[in-house]
Amino acid sequence: MAVWTIKAQYDPEARVWYSIEGDMPGLNVEGDTVDHLAAKASGMLLDLLEINADLFPADRLAGSHSIHVVAHDERTFAVAA
């Protein structure tokens, strides 16, 4: 099984999670939640692999695939005195 990794970050102003890097060439995806982002990426994966097939060994393209999402959200909150 080929495992593909996406690193995601949250934009509090836009209220979306978006991909910042990963090993899926050409992936640019966002979603309201990490699950939504992963679902969109899942729908794009096979097309991206077909488009970029020459970048990967054949054994990485064959068989089943899964997506590993690494998401980090960091916030600062004001505390009333």
N, C-alpha and C. Protein backbone atom coordinates (compact mmCIF):
# COMPACT_ATOMS: atom_id res chain seq x y z
N MET A 1 0.85 -1.18 0.00
CA MET A 1 0.00 0.00 0.00
C MET A 1 0.89 1.24 0.00
N ALA A 2 0.58 2.18 -0.86
CA ALA A 2 1.30 3.45 -0.90
C ALA A 2 0.62 4.43 0.04
N VAL A 3 1.41 5.06 0.89
CA VAL A 3 0.90 6.06 1.81
C VAL A 3 1.40 7.42 1.35
N TRP A 4 0.48 8.34 1.18
CA TRP A 4 0.79 9.70 0.73
C TRP A 4 0.55 10.65 1.88
N THR A 5 1.44 11.61 2.08
CA THR A 5 1.35 12.51 3.22
C THR A 5 1.02 13.93 2.78
N ILE A 6 0.12 14.55 3.54
CA ILE A 6 -0.24 15.96 3.34
C ILE A 6 -0.03 16.67 4.67
N LYS A 7 0.66 17.79 4.64
CA LYS A 7 0.75 18.65 5.83
C LYS A 7 -0.24 19.78 5.61
N ALA A 8 -1.05 20.04 6.64
CA ALA A 8 -2.10 21.04 6.53
C ALA A 8 -2.00 22.06 7.65
N GLN A 9 -2.48 23.24 7.37
CA GLN A 9 -2.47 24.32 8.34
C GLN A 9 -3.83 24.99 8.33
N TYR A 10 -4.20 25.58 9.46
CA TYR A 10 -5.50 26.24 9.57
C TYR A 10 -5.35 27.74 9.39
N ASP A 11 -6.25 28.33 8.61
CA ASP A 11 -6.31 29.78 8.43
C ASP A 11 -7.54 30.27 9.18
N PRO A 12 -7.34 30.89 10.37
CA PRO A 12 -8.49 31.31 11.17
C PRO A 12 -9.33 32.41 10.52
N GLU A 13 -8.71 33.26 9.70
CA GLU A 13 -9.50 34.31 9.04
C GLU A 13 -10.42 33.73 7.99
N ALA A 14 -9.91 32.80 7.19
CA ALA A 14 -10.72 32.17 6.14
C ALA A 14 -11.53 30.99 6.68
N ARG A 15 -11.16 30.53 7.88
CA ARG A 15 -11.82 29.39 8.52
C ARG A 15 -11.72 28.12 7.68
N VAL A 16 -10.53 27.86 7.15
CA VAL A 16 -10.30 26.66 6.35
C VAL A 16 -8.95 26.04 6.69
N TRP A 17 -8.87 24.73 6.49
CA TRP A 17 -7.62 24.01 6.52
C TRP A 17 -7.12 23.94 5.09
N TYR A 18 -5.81 24.12 4.89
CA TYR A 18 -5.27 24.07 3.53
C TYR A 18 -3.95 23.32 3.53
N SER A 19 -3.65 22.69 2.39
CA SER A 19 -2.41 21.93 2.27
C SER A 19 -1.25 22.90 2.13
N ILE A 20 -0.17 22.62 2.87
CA ILE A 20 1.02 23.47 2.77
C ILE A 20 2.19 22.73 2.14
N GLU A 21 2.19 21.41 2.22
CA GLU A 21 3.21 20.61 1.55
C GLU A 21 2.82 19.14 1.64
N GLY A 22 3.54 18.32 0.93
CA GLY A 22 3.28 16.89 0.94
C GLY A 22 3.97 16.22 -0.22
N ASP A 23 3.73 14.94 -0.37
CA ASP A 23 4.39 14.19 -1.44
C ASP A 23 3.47 13.86 -2.60
N MET A 24 2.37 14.59 -2.71
CA MET A 24 1.45 14.45 -3.84
C MET A 24 1.64 15.66 -4.75
N PRO A 25 2.44 15.54 -5.82
CA PRO A 25 2.71 16.69 -6.68
C PRO A 25 1.44 17.32 -7.26
N GLY A 26 1.39 18.64 -7.20
CA GLY A 26 0.27 19.36 -7.77
C GLY A 26 -0.93 19.50 -6.86
N LEU A 27 -0.85 18.93 -5.64
CA LEU A 27 -2.00 19.01 -4.75
C LEU A 27 -2.10 20.39 -4.13
N ASN A 28 -3.24 20.99 -4.29
CA ASN A 28 -3.57 22.26 -3.67
C ASN A 28 -5.02 22.13 -3.25
N VAL A 29 -5.24 21.91 -1.95
CA VAL A 29 -6.59 21.59 -1.50
C VAL A 29 -6.87 22.30 -0.18
N GLU A 30 -8.15 22.59 0.04
CA GLU A 30 -8.58 23.17 1.31
C GLU A 30 -9.93 22.59 1.68
N GLY A 31 -10.26 22.71 2.97
CA GLY A 31 -11.55 22.22 3.44
C GLY A 31 -11.92 22.86 4.76
N ASP A 32 -13.20 22.85 5.06
CA ASP A 32 -13.69 23.44 6.32
C ASP A 32 -13.15 22.70 7.54
N THR A 33 -12.91 21.40 7.38
CA THR A 33 -12.37 20.56 8.44
C THR A 33 -11.22 19.73 7.86
N VAL A 34 -10.45 19.12 8.73
CA VAL A 34 -9.39 18.23 8.26
C VAL A 34 -10.00 17.06 7.49
N ASP A 35 -11.12 16.54 7.97
CA ASP A 35 -11.80 15.44 7.27
C ASP A 35 -12.24 15.86 5.87
N HIS A 36 -12.75 17.07 5.75
CA HIS A 36 -13.19 17.58 4.44
C HIS A 36 -11.99 17.74 3.51
N LEU A 37 -10.89 18.26 4.03
CA LEU A 37 -9.66 18.39 3.24
C LEU A 37 -9.19 17.02 2.76
N ALA A 38 -9.19 16.04 3.66
CA ALA A 38 -8.75 14.68 3.30
C ALA A 38 -9.66 14.06 2.25
N ALA A 39 -10.96 14.28 2.37
CA ALA A 39 -11.91 13.74 1.40
C ALA A 39 -11.68 14.34 0.01
N LYS A 40 -11.44 15.64 -0.05
CA LYS A 40 -11.16 16.29 -1.32
C LYS A 40 -9.86 15.76 -1.92
N ALA A 41 -8.82 15.63 -1.08
CA ALA A 41 -7.53 15.12 -1.55
C ALA A 41 -7.68 13.69 -2.07
N SER A 42 -8.48 12.90 -1.39
CA SER A 42 -8.71 11.52 -1.80
C SER A 42 -9.32 11.46 -3.19
N GLY A 43 -10.24 12.36 -3.46
CA GLY A 43 -10.87 12.42 -4.77
C GLY A 43 -9.93 12.88 -5.87
N MET A 44 -8.87 13.59 -5.51
CA MET A 44 -7.91 14.12 -6.48
C MET A 44 -6.72 13.20 -6.69
N LEU A 45 -6.47 12.29 -5.74
CA LEU A 45 -5.23 11.51 -5.73
C LEU A 45 -4.98 10.75 -7.02
N LEU A 46 -5.92 9.95 -7.48
CA LEU A 46 -5.69 9.12 -8.65
C LEU A 46 -5.43 9.96 -9.90
N ASP A 47 -6.12 11.08 -10.04
CA ASP A 47 -5.87 11.97 -11.19
C ASP A 47 -4.47 12.55 -11.11
N LEU A 48 -4.06 12.99 -9.92
CA LEU A 48 -2.71 13.56 -9.77
C LEU A 48 -1.63 12.51 -10.04
N LEU A 49 -1.87 11.28 -9.62
CA LEU A 49 -0.89 10.22 -9.88
C LEU A 49 -0.80 9.91 -11.36
N GLU A 50 -1.93 9.95 -12.05
CA GLU A 50 -1.91 9.70 -13.49
C GLU A 50 -1.16 10.82 -14.22
N ILE A 51 -1.43 12.05 -13.84
CA ILE A 51 -0.77 13.20 -14.47
C ILE A 51 0.74 13.17 -14.22
N ASN A 52 1.13 12.76 -13.00
CA ASN A 52 2.54 12.80 -12.59
C ASN A 52 3.18 11.42 -12.53
N ALA A 53 2.67 10.47 -13.28
CA ALA A 53 3.13 9.08 -13.20
C ALA A 53 4.63 8.94 -13.44
N ASP A 54 5.20 9.79 -14.26
CA ASP A 54 6.62 9.68 -14.57
C ASP A 54 7.52 10.08 -13.39
N LEU A 55 6.94 10.64 -12.33
CA LEU A 55 7.73 11.05 -11.16
C LEU A 55 7.90 9.95 -10.13
N PHE A 56 7.18 8.82 -10.29
CA PHE A 56 7.18 7.77 -9.27
C PHE A 56 7.50 6.42 -9.87
N PRO A 57 8.12 5.54 -9.08
CA PRO A 57 8.32 4.17 -9.56
C PRO A 57 6.97 3.46 -9.68
N ALA A 58 6.88 2.54 -10.60
CA ALA A 58 5.61 1.85 -10.88
C ALA A 58 5.03 1.17 -9.64
N ASP A 59 5.88 0.61 -8.77
CA ASP A 59 5.35 -0.08 -7.58
C ASP A 59 4.68 0.89 -6.61
N ARG A 60 5.03 2.16 -6.64
CA ARG A 60 4.39 3.15 -5.77
C ARG A 60 3.01 3.53 -6.30
N LEU A 61 2.80 3.36 -7.59
CA LEU A 61 1.53 3.71 -8.21
C LEU A 61 0.53 2.56 -8.20
N ALA A 62 1.02 1.33 -8.11
CA ALA A 62 0.15 0.15 -8.18
C ALA A 62 -0.47 -0.14 -6.81
N GLY A 63 -1.58 -0.81 -6.82
CA GLY A 63 -2.20 -1.25 -5.58
C GLY A 63 -3.03 -0.16 -4.90
N SER A 64 -3.26 -0.38 -3.64
CA SER A 64 -4.11 0.55 -2.88
C SER A 64 -3.29 1.73 -2.35
N HIS A 65 -4.01 2.78 -1.99
CA HIS A 65 -3.39 4.01 -1.52
C HIS A 65 -4.10 4.48 -0.26
N SER A 66 -3.36 5.18 0.58
CA SER A 66 -3.98 5.85 1.72
C SER A 66 -3.32 7.21 1.88
N ILE A 67 -4.02 8.11 2.56
CA ILE A 67 -3.53 9.47 2.77
C ILE A 67 -3.35 9.70 4.26
N HIS A 68 -2.19 10.19 4.61
CA HIS A 68 -1.84 10.52 5.99
C HIS A 68 -1.82 12.05 6.08
N VAL A 69 -2.68 12.63 6.92
CA VAL A 69 -2.75 14.08 7.07
C VAL A 69 -2.12 14.47 8.40
N VAL A 70 -1.17 15.39 8.32
CA VAL A 70 -0.54 15.96 9.51
C VAL A 70 -1.04 17.40 9.60
N ALA A 71 -1.86 17.68 10.61
CA ALA A 71 -2.47 19.00 10.73
C ALA A 71 -2.06 19.63 12.06
N HIS A 72 -1.71 20.90 11.99
CA HIS A 72 -1.28 21.62 13.19
C HIS A 72 -2.03 22.94 13.26
N ASP A 73 -2.60 23.19 14.41
CA ASP A 73 -3.29 24.45 14.64
C ASP A 73 -2.75 25.04 15.93
N GLU A 74 -2.34 26.28 15.88
CA GLU A 74 -1.77 26.95 17.05
C GLU A 74 -2.47 28.28 17.20
N ARG A 75 -2.90 28.59 18.43
CA ARG A 75 -3.64 29.83 18.65
C ARG A 75 -3.19 30.50 19.94
N THR A 76 -3.37 31.81 20.01
CA THR A 76 -3.12 32.59 21.21
C THR A 76 -4.45 33.19 21.64
N PHE A 77 -4.74 33.05 22.92
CA PHE A 77 -6.01 33.57 23.45
C PHE A 77 -5.73 34.63 24.51
N ALA A 78 -6.49 35.70 24.47
CA ALA A 78 -6.39 36.73 25.49
C ALA A 78 -7.09 36.25 26.76
N VAL A 79 -6.54 36.63 27.89
CA VAL A 79 -7.13 36.28 29.18
C VAL A 79 -7.49 37.56 29.90
N ALA A 80 -8.73 37.65 30.34
CA ALA A 80 -9.19 38.85 31.04
C ALA A 80 -8.44 38.99 32.37
N ALA A 81 -8.05 40.20 32.68
CA ALA A 81 -7.30 40.46 33.92
C ALA A 81 -8.24 40.60 35.09
